[in-house]
Protein backbone atom coordinates (compact mmCIF):
# COMPACT_ATOMS: atom_id res chain seq x y z
CA UNK A 1 27.17 58.57 -37.27
CA UNK A 2 29.25 61.73 -37.30
CA UNK A 3 27.75 65.03 -38.44
CA UNK A 4 30.65 65.33 -40.90
CA UNK A 5 29.32 62.21 -42.67
CA UNK A 6 25.98 63.84 -43.49
CA UNK A 7 25.12 65.41 -46.83
CA UNK A 8 26.04 69.09 -46.61
CA UNK A 9 22.52 70.48 -47.06
CA UNK A 10 21.09 68.08 -44.50
CA UNK A 11 23.81 68.86 -41.97
CA UNK A 12 23.32 72.59 -42.44
CA UNK A 13 19.55 72.27 -42.01
CA UNK A 14 20.02 70.19 -38.85
CA UNK A 15 22.41 72.79 -37.45
CA UNK A 16 19.64 75.38 -37.78
CA UNK A 17 17.13 73.17 -35.92
CA UNK A 18 18.56 71.90 -32.62
CA UNK A 19 15.41 69.90 -31.79
CA UNK A 20 15.64 68.06 -35.10
CA UNK A 21 19.35 67.42 -34.57
CA UNK A 22 18.69 65.98 -31.12
CA UNK A 23 15.95 63.74 -32.53
CA UNK A 24 18.15 62.57 -35.41
CA UNK A 25 21.11 61.75 -33.17
CA UNK A 26 18.83 59.81 -30.80
CA UNK A 27 17.60 57.57 -33.65
CA UNK A 28 18.94 54.12 -34.29
CA UNK A 29 21.35 53.70 -37.19
CA UNK A 30 18.57 52.08 -39.23
CA UNK A 31 16.27 55.03 -38.65
CA UNK A 32 19.08 57.47 -39.50
CA UNK A 33 19.78 55.62 -42.75
CA UNK A 34 16.10 55.87 -43.73
CA UNK A 35 16.17 59.64 -43.15
CA UNK A 36 19.42 59.96 -45.10
CA UNK A 37 17.86 58.12 -48.05
CA UNK A 38 15.09 60.71 -48.00
CA UNK A 39 17.66 63.53 -47.76
CA UNK A 40 19.48 62.21 -50.83
CA UNK A 41 16.26 62.41 -52.87
CA UNK A 42 15.50 66.01 -51.90
CA UNK A 43 15.42 68.39 -54.88
CA UNK A 44 15.35 71.81 -53.20
CA UNK A 45 16.30 73.75 -50.10
CA UNK A 46 12.63 74.02 -49.18
CA UNK A 47 12.20 70.24 -49.33
CA UNK A 48 15.27 69.78 -47.10
CA UNK A 49 13.92 72.30 -44.60
CA UNK A 50 10.60 70.45 -44.56
CA UNK A 51 12.32 67.09 -44.03
CA UNK A 52 14.31 68.48 -41.09
CA UNK A 53 11.33 70.36 -39.63
CA UNK A 54 9.37 67.10 -39.65
CA UNK A 55 12.10 65.48 -37.55
CA UNK A 56 11.56 67.93 -34.73
CA UNK A 57 7.84 67.10 -34.53
CA UNK A 58 8.19 63.34 -34.85
């Protein structure tokens, strides 16, 4: 999956967290799709930041 295909807020949050970006890109496509489903349900910037921060500790 290309970064340009990600929802804007999710892509921007990943760009600010290199560890999370590395973790996300290392995931299988199925795992990435599950995370993207979560990203689409996010209602605020804070929720998006939390979602991305959790990727870097997973």
